[in-house]
Amino acid sequence: MSKKRVQIGQVFQSVGSVGGRGWRVTATVDLLGIPHARVVCTDDDGVFKTLSCSVLADPSHYRLIAAAPADGMAA
């Protein structure tokens, strides 16, 4: 797996979930020295979770469906 950088504003979808939930990265944090991303559901902002960046960037688990905004701001 390549070292892909997870950025605020990117939207990911779980592999195998056609038409499933999208997850927008709202923040990145280090938990016990491991980079994690806080993500919110694109359909319901009351649904959120924290995932390790390595899992989120792993194409066998999640796929990128929308890039971060060009201005670097979260949408």
PDB file of N, CA and C in Angstrom:
ATOM      1  N   MET A   1       0.842  -1.186   0.000  1.00  0.00           N
ATOM      2  CA  MET A   1       0.000   0.000   0.000  1.00  0.00           C
ATOM      3  C   MET A   1       0.884   1.245   0.000  1.00  0.00           C
ATOM      4  N   SER A   2       0.528   2.196  -0.826  1.00  0.00           N
ATOM      5  CA  SER A   2       1.304   3.439  -0.871  1.00  0.00           C
ATOM      6  C   SER A   2       0.919   4.334   0.299  1.00  0.00           C
ATOM      7  N   LYS A   3       1.812   5.262   0.607  1.00  0.00           N
ATOM      8  CA  LYS A   3       1.563   6.201   1.696  1.00  0.00           C
ATOM      9  C   LYS A   3       0.721   7.370   1.173  1.00  0.00           C
ATOM     10  N   LYS A   4      -0.596   7.171   1.096  1.00  0.00           N
ATOM     11  CA  LYS A   4      -1.487   8.226   0.647  1.00  0.00           C
ATOM     12  C   LYS A   4      -1.868   9.072   1.843  1.00  0.00           C
ATOM     13  N   ARG A   5      -1.922  10.353   1.626  1.00  0.00           N
ATOM     14  CA  ARG A   5      -2.249  11.273   2.701  1.00  0.00           C
ATOM     15  C   ARG A   5      -3.757  11.519   2.717  1.00  0.00           C
ATOM     16  N   VAL A   6      -4.360  11.352   3.874  1.00  0.00           N
ATOM     17  CA  VAL A   6      -5.781  11.623   4.053  1.00  0.00           C
ATOM     18  C   VAL A   6      -5.931  13.105   4.365  1.00  0.00           C
ATOM     19  N   GLN A   7      -6.821  13.789   3.624  1.00  0.00           N
ATOM     20  CA  GLN A   7      -6.988  15.224   3.779  1.00  0.00           C
ATOM     21  C   GLN A   7      -8.422  15.588   4.135  1.00  0.00           C
ATOM     22  N   ILE A   8      -8.553  16.670   4.892  1.00  0.00           N
ATOM     23  CA  ILE A   8      -9.868  17.186   5.250  1.00  0.00           C
ATOM     24  C   ILE A   8     -10.628  17.533   3.982  1.00  0.00           C
ATOM     25  N   GLY A   9     -11.883  17.104   3.929  1.00  0.00           N
ATOM     26  CA  GLY A   9     -12.746  17.364   2.785  1.00  0.00           C
ATOM     27  C   GLY A   9     -12.878  16.186   1.836  1.00  0.00           C
ATOM     28  N   GLN A  10     -11.944  15.228   1.904  1.00  0.00           N
ATOM     29  CA  GLN A  10     -12.063  14.046   1.052  1.00  0.00           C
ATOM     30  C   GLN A  10     -13.283  13.232   1.476  1.00  0.00           C
ATOM     31  N   VAL A  11     -13.875  12.534   0.514  1.00  0.00           N
ATOM     32  CA  VAL A  11     -15.024  11.678   0.804  1.00  0.00           C
ATOM     33  C   VAL A  11     -14.670  10.259   0.375  1.00  0.00           C
ATOM     34  N   PHE A  12     -14.897   9.312   1.272  1.00  0.00           N
ATOM     35  CA  PHE A  12     -14.593   7.905   1.039  1.00  0.00           C
ATOM     36  C   PHE A  12     -15.870   7.081   1.139  1.00  0.00           C
ATOM     37  N   GLN A  13     -15.837   5.906   0.498  1.00  0.00           N
ATOM     38  CA  GLN A  13     -16.940   4.958   0.588  1.00  0.00           C
ATOM     39  C   GLN A  13     -16.347   3.588   0.859  1.00  0.00           C
ATOM     40  N   SER A  14     -17.015   2.838   1.696  1.00  0.00           N
ATOM     41  CA  SER A  14     -16.555   1.497   2.022  1.00  0.00           C
ATOM     42  C   SER A  14     -16.586   0.631   0.770  1.00  0.00           C
ATOM     43  N   VAL A  15     -15.537  -0.149   0.556  1.00  0.00           N
ATOM     44  CA  VAL A  15     -15.474  -1.053  -0.589  1.00  0.00           C
ATOM     45  C   VAL A  15     -16.576  -2.095  -0.443  1.00  0.00           C
ATOM     46  N   GLY A  16     -17.267  -2.359  -1.535  1.00  0.00           N
ATOM     47  CA  GLY A  16     -18.339  -3.349  -1.520  1.00  0.00           C
ATOM     48  C   GLY A  16     -19.706  -2.768  -1.212  1.00  0.00           C
ATOM     49  N   SER A  17     -19.780  -1.477  -0.926  1.00  0.00           N
ATOM     50  CA  SER A  17     -21.076  -0.857  -0.626  1.00  0.00           C
ATOM     51  C   SER A  17     -21.475   0.064  -1.777  1.00  0.00           C
ATOM     52  N   VAL A  18     -21.993  -0.523  -2.835  1.00  0.00           N
ATOM     53  CA  VAL A  18     -22.431   0.255  -3.993  1.00  0.00           C
ATOM     54  C   VAL A  18     -23.609   1.122  -3.573  1.00  0.00           C
ATOM     55  N   GLY A  19     -23.480   2.424  -3.786  1.00  0.00           N
ATOM     56  CA  GLY A  19     -24.537   3.340  -3.378  1.00  0.00           C
ATOM     57  C   GLY A  19     -24.653   3.490  -1.880  1.00  0.00           C
ATOM     58  N   GLY A  20     -23.631   3.027  -1.150  1.00  0.00           N
ATOM     59  CA  GLY A  20     -23.645   3.115   0.307  1.00  0.00           C
ATOM     60  C   GLY A  20     -23.273   4.500   0.803  1.00  0.00           C
ATOM     61  N   ARG A  21     -23.100   4.605   2.090  1.00  0.00           N
ATOM     62  CA  ARG A  21     -22.771   5.886   2.717  1.00  0.00           C
ATOM     63  C   ARG A  21     -21.422   6.415   2.267  1.00  0.00           C
ATOM     64  N   GLY A  22     -21.376   7.727   2.133  1.00  0.00           N
ATOM     65  CA  GLY A  22     -20.110   8.404   1.922  1.00  0.00           C
ATOM     66  C   GLY A  22     -19.665   8.966   3.269  1.00  0.00           C
ATOM     67  N   TRP A  23     -18.362   9.026   3.466  1.00  0.00           N
ATOM     68  CA  TRP A  23     -17.800   9.525   4.723  1.00  0.00           C
ATOM     69  C   TRP A  23     -16.835  10.663   4.416  1.00  0.00           C
ATOM     70  N   ARG A  24     -17.167  11.878   4.873  1.00  0.00           N
ATOM     71  CA  ARG A  24     -16.341  13.068   4.637  1.00  0.00           C
ATOM     72  C   ARG A  24     -15.389  13.281   5.816  1.00  0.00           C
ATOM     73  N   VAL A  25     -14.103  13.474   5.506  1.00  0.00           N
ATOM     74  CA  VAL A  25     -13.094  13.717   6.538  1.00  0.00           C
ATOM     75  C   VAL A  25     -13.273  15.145   7.062  1.00  0.00           C
ATOM     76  N   THR A  26     -13.474  15.270   8.378  1.00  0.00           N
ATOM     77  CA  THR A  26     -13.661  16.588   8.991  1.00  0.00           C
ATOM     78  C   THR A  26     -12.450  17.032   9.802  1.00  0.00           C
ATOM     79  N   ALA A  27     -11.611  16.076  10.204  1.00  0.00           N
ATOM     80  CA  ALA A  27     -10.427  16.401  11.001  1.00  0.00           C
ATOM     81  C   ALA A  27      -9.474  15.217  10.980  1.00  0.00           C
ATOM     82  N   THR A  28      -8.214  15.504  11.222  1.00  0.00           N
ATOM     83  CA  THR A  28      -7.235  14.439  11.421  1.00  0.00           C
ATOM     84  C   THR A  28      -6.598  14.652  12.790  1.00  0.00           C
ATOM     85  N   VAL A  29      -6.369  13.548  13.494  1.00  0.00           N
ATOM     86  CA  VAL A  29      -5.813  13.603  14.846  1.00  0.00           C
ATOM     87  C   VAL A  29      -4.841  12.444  15.034  1.00  0.00           C
ATOM     88  N   ASP A  30      -3.919  12.591  15.973  1.00  0.00           N
ATOM     89  CA  ASP A  30      -3.036  11.501  16.366  1.00  0.00           C
ATOM     90  C   ASP A  30      -3.579  10.894  17.656  1.00  0.00           C
ATOM     91  N   LEU A  31      -3.829   9.602  17.623  1.00  0.00           N
ATOM     92  CA  LEU A  31      -4.262   8.881  18.818  1.00  0.00           C
ATOM     93  C   LEU A  31      -3.192   7.844  19.130  1.00  0.00           C
ATOM     94  N   LEU A  32      -2.522   8.028  20.243  1.00  0.00           N
ATOM     95  CA  LEU A  32      -1.419   7.159  20.656  1.00  0.00           C
ATOM     96  C   LEU A  32      -0.345   7.080  19.576  1.00  0.00           C
ATOM     97  N   GLY A  33      -0.116   8.204  18.894  1.00  0.00           N
ATOM     98  CA  GLY A  33       0.919   8.284  17.877  1.00  0.00           C
ATOM     99  C   GLY A  33       0.518   7.739  16.515  1.00  0.00           C
ATOM    100  N   ILE A  34      -0.743   7.340  16.360  1.00  0.00           N
ATOM    101  CA  ILE A  34      -1.231   6.796  15.094  1.00  0.00           C
ATOM    102  C   ILE A  34      -2.194   7.798  14.468  1.00  0.00           C
ATOM    103  N   PRO A  35      -1.969   8.196  13.212  1.00  0.00           N
ATOM    104  CA  PRO A  35      -2.862   9.161  12.565  1.00  0.00           C
ATOM    105  C   PRO A  35      -4.259   8.567  12.331  1.00  0.00           C
ATOM    106  N   HIS A  36      -5.262   9.321  12.704  1.00  0.00           N
ATOM    107  CA  HIS A  36      -6.660   8.938  12.515  1.00  0.00           C
ATOM    108  C   HIS A  36      -7.414  10.073  11.835  1.00  0.00           C
ATOM    109  N   ALA A  37      -8.530   9.722  11.221  1.00  0.00           N
ATOM    110  CA  ALA A  37      -9.407  10.710  10.590  1.00  0.00           C
ATOM    111  C   ALA A  37     -10.768  10.645  11.258  1.00  0.00           C
ATOM    112  N   ARG A  38     -11.313  11.802  11.556  1.00  0.00           N
ATOM    113  CA  ARG A  38     -12.692  11.879  12.029  1.00  0.00           C
ATOM    114  C   ARG A  38     -13.546  12.106  10.796  1.00  0.00           C
ATOM    115  N   VAL A  39     -14.537  11.246  10.606  1.00  0.00           N
ATOM    116  CA  VAL A  39     -15.374  11.315   9.418  1.00  0.00           C
ATOM    117  C   VAL A  39     -16.837  11.427   9.808  1.00  0.00           C
ATOM    118  N   VAL A  40     -17.598  12.096   8.950  1.00  0.00           N
ATOM    119  CA  VAL A  40     -19.029  12.259   9.163  1.00  0.00           C
ATOM    120  C   VAL A  40     -19.745  11.734   7.921  1.00  0.00           C
ATOM    121  N   CYS A  41     -20.902  11.113   8.133  1.00  0.00           N
ATOM    122  CA  CYS A  41     -21.694  10.583   7.038  1.00  0.00           C
ATOM    123  C   CYS A  41     -22.191  11.741   6.174  1.00  0.00           C
ATOM    124  N   THR A  42     -22.079  11.597   4.857  1.00  0.00           N
ATOM    125  CA  THR A  42     -22.514  12.665   3.961  1.00  0.00           C
ATOM    126  C   THR A  42     -24.032  12.787   3.905  1.00  0.00           C
ATOM    127  N   ASP A  43     -24.749  11.745   4.317  1.00  0.00           N
ATOM    128  CA  ASP A  43     -26.212  11.768   4.307  1.00  0.00           C
ATOM    129  C   ASP A  43     -26.809  12.229   5.632  1.00  0.00           C
ATOM    130  N   ASP A  44     -26.049  12.094   6.721  1.00  0.00           N
ATOM    131  CA  ASP A  44     -26.569  12.412   8.055  1.00  0.00           C
ATOM    132  C   ASP A  44     -25.400  12.846   8.934  1.00  0.00           C
ATOM    133  N   ASP A  45     -25.256  14.163   9.145  1.00  0.00           N
ATOM    134  CA  ASP A  45     -24.090  14.651   9.893  1.00  0.00           C
ATOM    135  C   ASP A  45     -24.130  14.296  11.375  1.00  0.00           C
ATOM    136  N   GLY A  46     -25.181  13.608  11.811  1.00  0.00           N
ATOM    137  CA  GLY A  46     -25.239  13.118  13.184  1.00  0.00           C
ATOM    138  C   GLY A  46     -24.560  11.764  13.334  1.00  0.00           C
ATOM    139  N   VAL A  47     -24.151  11.181  12.218  1.00  0.00           N
ATOM    140  CA  VAL A  47     -23.480   9.884  12.223  1.00  0.00           C
ATOM    141  C   VAL A  47     -22.011  10.121  11.900  1.00  0.00           C
ATOM    142  N   PHE A  48     -21.152   9.755  12.833  1.00  0.00           N
ATOM    143  CA  PHE A  48     -19.721   9.994  12.642  1.00  0.00           C
ATOM    144  C   PHE A  48     -18.926   8.881  13.280  1.00  0.00           C
ATOM    145  N   LYS A  49     -17.653   8.781  12.881  1.00  0.00           N
ATOM    146  CA  LYS A  49     -16.752   7.778  13.465  1.00  0.00           C
ATOM    147  C   LYS A  49     -15.313   8.217  13.265  1.00  0.00           C
ATOM    148  N   THR A  50     -14.412   7.535  13.923  1.00  0.00           N
ATOM    149  CA  THR A  50     -12.985   7.788  13.811  1.00  0.00           C
ATOM    150  C   THR A  50     -12.334   6.525  13.263  1.00  0.00           C
ATOM    151  N   LEU A  51     -11.542   6.702  12.199  1.00  0.00           N
ATOM    152  CA  LEU A  51     -10.854   5.587  11.551  1.00  0.00           C
ATOM    153  C   LEU A  51      -9.371   5.893  11.449  1.00  0.00           C
ATOM    154  N   SER A  52      -8.546   4.866  11.499  1.00  0.00           N
ATOM    155  CA  SER A  52      -7.122   5.120  11.284  1.00  0.00           C
ATOM    156  C   SER A  52      -6.935   5.534   9.825  1.00  0.00           C
ATOM    157  N   CYS A  53      -6.022   6.452   9.588  1.00  0.00           N
ATOM    158  CA  CYS A  53      -5.762   6.923   8.229  1.00  0.00           C
ATOM    159  C   CYS A  53      -5.261   5.791   7.344  1.00  0.00           C
ATOM    160  N   SER A  54      -4.525   4.843   7.918  1.00  0.00           N
ATOM    161  CA  SER A  54      -4.017   3.730   7.108  1.00  0.00           C
ATOM    162  C   SER A  54      -5.158   2.853   6.598  1.00  0.00           C
ATOM    163  N   VAL A  55      -6.194   2.653   7.380  1.00  0.00           N
ATOM    164  CA  VAL A  55      -7.358   1.880   6.933  1.00  0.00           C
ATOM    165  C   VAL A  55      -8.136   2.672   5.887  1.00  0.00           C
ATOM    166  N   LEU A  56      -8.330   3.953   6.125  1.00  0.00           N
ATOM    167  CA  LEU A  56      -9.081   4.799   5.197  1.00  0.00           C
ATOM    168  C   LEU A  56      -8.380   4.897   3.842  1.00  0.00           C
ATOM    169  N   ALA A  57      -7.061   4.914   3.826  1.00  0.00           N
ATOM    170  CA  ALA A  57      -6.290   5.030   2.587  1.00  0.00           C
ATOM    171  C   ALA A  57      -6.053   3.678   1.909  1.00  0.00           C
ATOM    172  N   ASP A  58      -6.440   2.598   2.559  1.00  0.00           N
ATOM    173  CA  ASP A  58      -6.230   1.257   2.015  1.00  0.00           C
ATOM    174  C   ASP A  58      -7.347   0.932   1.013  1.00  0.00           C
ATOM    175  N   PRO A  59      -7.018   0.773  -0.280  1.00  0.00           N
ATOM    176  CA  PRO A  59      -8.052   0.529  -1.293  1.00  0.00           C
ATOM    177  C   PRO A  59      -8.812  -0.786  -1.126  1.00  0.00           C
ATOM    178  N   SER A  60      -8.344  -1.667  -0.264  1.00  0.00           N
ATOM    179  CA  SER A  60      -9.099  -2.890  -0.014  1.00  0.00           C
ATOM    180  C   SER A  60     -10.205  -2.660   1.023  1.00  0.00           C
ATOM    181  N   HIS A  61     -10.190  -1.504   1.691  1.00  0.00           N
ATOM    182  CA  HIS A  61     -11.212  -1.167   2.683  1.00  0.00           C
ATOM    183  C   HIS A  61     -12.102   0.001   2.249  1.00  0.00           C
ATOM    184  N   TYR A  62     -11.495   1.066   1.763  1.00  0.00           N
ATOM    185  CA  TYR A  62     -12.242   2.271   1.366  1.00  0.00           C
ATOM    186  C   TYR A  62     -11.727   2.782   0.034  1.00  0.00           C
ATOM    187  N   ARG A  63     -12.613   3.437  -0.716  1.00  0.00           N
ATOM    188  CA  ARG A  63     -12.196   4.076  -1.966  1.00  0.00           C
ATOM    189  C   ARG A  63     -12.546   5.556  -1.899  1.00  0.00           C
ATOM    190  N   LEU A  64     -11.686   6.368  -2.463  1.00  0.00           N
ATOM    191  CA  LEU A  64     -11.883   7.808  -2.515  1.00  0.00           C
ATOM    192  C   LEU A  64     -12.924   8.103  -3.585  1.00  0.00           C
ATOM    193  N   ILE A  65     -14.019   8.804  -3.223  1.00  0.00           N
ATOM    194  CA  ILE A  65     -15.053   9.119  -4.208  1.00  0.00           C
ATOM    195  C   ILE A  65     -15.130  10.621  -4.486  1.00  0.00           C
ATOM    196  N   ALA A  66     -14.500  11.445  -3.655  1.00  0.00           N
ATOM    197  CA  ALA A  66     -14.445  12.890  -3.902  1.00  0.00           C
ATOM    198  C   ALA A  66     -13.172  13.436  -3.266  1.00  0.00           C
ATOM    199  N   ALA A  67     -12.432  14.202  -4.049  1.00  0.00           N
ATOM    200  CA  ALA A  67     -11.185  14.802  -3.566  1.00  0.00           C
ATOM    201  C   ALA A  67     -11.463  15.968  -2.636  1.00  0.00           C
ATOM    202  N   ALA A  68     -10.455  16.377  -1.916  1.00  0.00           N
ATOM    203  CA  ALA A  68     -10.555  17.554  -1.037  1.00  0.00           C
ATOM    204  C   ALA A  68     -10.757  18.792  -1.915  1.00  0.00           C
ATOM    205  N   PRO A  69     -11.485  19.790  -1.424  1.00  0.00           N
ATOM    206  CA  PRO A  69     -11.656  21.026  -2.195  1.00  0.00           C
ATOM    207  C   PRO A  69     -10.311  21.668  -2.528  1.00  0.00           C
ATOM    208  N   ALA A  70     -10.229  22.289  -3.680  1.00  0.00           N
ATOM    209  CA  ALA A  70      -8.969  22.889  -4.155  1.00  0.00           C
ATOM    210  C   ALA A  70      -8.453  23.977  -3.240  1.00  0.00           C
ATOM    211  N   ASP A  71      -9.350  24.680  -2.543  1.00  0.00           N
ATOM    212  CA  ASP A  71      -8.915  25.771  -1.665  1.00  0.00           C
ATOM    213  C   ASP A  71      -8.413  25.268  -0.319  1.00  0.00           C
ATOM    214  N   GLY A  72      -8.447  23.929  -0.132  1.00  0.00           N
ATOM    215  CA  GLY A  72      -7.940  23.353   1.097  1.00  0.00           C
ATOM    216  C   GLY A  72      -8.889  23.436   2.271  1.00  0.00           C
ATOM    217  N   MET A  73     -10.082  23.962   2.046  1.00  0.00           N
ATOM    218  CA  MET A  73     -11.063  24.080   3.115  1.00  0.00           C
ATOM    219  C   MET A  73     -12.020  22.902   3.060  1.00  0.00           C
ATOM    220  N   ALA A  74     -12.458  22.447   4.200  1.00  0.00           N
ATOM    221  CA  ALA A  74     -13.443  21.378   4.249  1.00  0.00           C
ATOM    222  C   ALA A  74     -14.778  21.884   3.762  1.00  0.00           C
ATOM    223  N   ALA A  75     -15.450  21.051   3.007  1.00  0.00           N
ATOM    224  CA  ALA A  75     -16.765  21.457   2.474  1.00  0.00           C
ATOM    225  C   ALA A  75     -17.850  21.308   3.524  1.00  0.00           C
TER     226      ALA A  75
END
